Protein backbone atom coordinates (compact mmCIF):
# COMPACT_ATOMS: atom_id res chain seq x y z
CA UNK A 1 0.08 -0.18 -0.04
CA UNK A 2 1.86 3.23 -0.79
CA UNK A 3 0.89 6.26 1.39
CA UNK A 4 -0.49 9.01 -0.55
CA UNK A 5 -0.50 12.94 -1.19
CA UNK A 6 -1.76 15.61 1.07
CA UNK A 7 -1.72 19.45 -0.54
CA UNK A 8 -3.49 22.71 0.38
CA UNK A 9 -4.93 24.82 -2.55
CA UNK A 10 -6.13 27.99 -1.98
CA UNK A 11 -8.48 29.18 -4.46
CA UNK A 12 -10.64 32.61 -4.15
CA UNK A 13 -9.12 33.16 -0.60
CA UNK A 14 -10.67 29.82 0.54
CA UNK A 15 -7.67 26.95 1.23
CA UNK A 16 -9.27 23.30 0.10
CA UNK A 17 -7.11 20.58 1.14
CA UNK A 18 -6.08 17.82 -0.67
CA UNK A 19 -5.98 14.27 -0.08
CA UNK A 20 -5.45 11.36 -2.16
CA UNK A 21 -4.39 7.73 -0.71
CA UNK A 22 -4.28 4.20 -1.97
CA UNK A 23 -6.87 1.67 0.20
CA UNK A 24 -4.82 -0.76 -0.05
CA UNK A 25 -5.01 -4.32 -2.06
CA UNK A 26 -7.80 -5.92 0.32
CA UNK A 27 -9.96 -2.56 -1.40
CA UNK A 28 -8.41 -1.33 -4.24
CA UNK A 29 -9.17 1.69 -5.27
CA UNK A 30 -7.44 5.28 -4.92
CA UNK A 31 -9.50 7.80 -2.92
CA UNK A 32 -9.39 11.70 -3.31
CA UNK A 33 -10.92 13.81 -1.02
CA UNK A 34 -11.51 17.53 -1.22
CA UNK A 35 -11.91 19.18 2.97
CA UNK A 36 -12.63 22.80 3.75
CA UNK A 37 -13.25 23.48 7.29
CA UNK A 38 -12.90 20.10 8.19
CA UNK A 39 -15.90 19.22 5.77
CA UNK A 40 -15.73 16.79 2.88
CA UNK A 41 -16.59 18.95 0.11
CA UNK A 42 -16.01 16.52 -2.89
CA UNK A 43 -14.87 12.73 -3.10
CA UNK A 44 -13.26 10.61 -6.42
CA UNK A 45 -12.54 6.67 -6.27
CA UNK A 46 -11.11 4.99 -9.04
CA UNK A 47 -10.52 1.65 -8.73
CA UNK A 48 -7.45 -0.46 -9.73
CA UNK A 49 -8.94 -3.90 -10.03
CA UNK A 50 -7.33 -4.01 -13.64
CA UNK A 51 -4.06 -3.86 -11.80
CA UNK A 52 -4.49 -6.70 -9.02
CA UNK A 53 -5.97 -9.21 -11.99
CA UNK A 54 -3.09 -8.01 -14.56
CA UNK A 55 -0.12 -8.61 -12.31
CA UNK A 56 0.09 -6.12 -9.79
CA UNK A 57 2.60 -3.17 -10.76
CA UNK A 58 3.00 -0.96 -7.42
CA UNK A 59 4.88 1.72 -10.03
CA UNK A 60 1.91 1.72 -12.46
CA UNK A 61 -0.22 2.17 -9.08
CA UNK A 62 2.31 4.98 -8.05
CA UNK A 63 1.69 6.65 -11.13
CA UNK A 64 -2.16 6.51 -10.95
CA UNK A 65 -2.55 8.06 -7.33
CA UNK A 66 0.31 11.11 -8.64
CA UNK A 67 -2.13 11.73 -11.40
CA UNK A 68 -5.23 11.61 -9.66
CA UNK A 69 -4.13 13.73 -7.07
CA UNK A 70 -2.67 16.63 -9.44
CA UNK A 71 -6.30 16.51 -11.09
CA UNK A 72 -8.12 16.94 -8.54
CA UNK A 73 -5.91 20.12 -7.26
CA UNK A 74 -5.92 21.06 -10.90
CA UNK A 75 -9.75 21.01 -10.53
CA UNK A 76 -10.33 22.75 -7.40
CA UNK A 77 -7.58 25.60 -8.68
C-alpha cells in the first residue's frame, strides 16, 4: 500500500485540503477527498482491479495515484 498525498490549494481566499490515498490491495481503489473547514466537499474513487488481476505493478499504481491527485488539485484551483 502506498501512502498518498496531501496538498493545500488556495482559491479565491479559501484553502482547500486535497488528500489522495491508496486503500490497499484488500480494497483496491484510489480515494481523493477535498476538505474545507473539516467538511468533505468532494470525493473521487478510482478502482484498480485491473492492476491486481493483470499482475500488480506498484510503479503503475504510484503513477495513477500521483495523476489523480494532480488532477483533483487542478480542478480545485
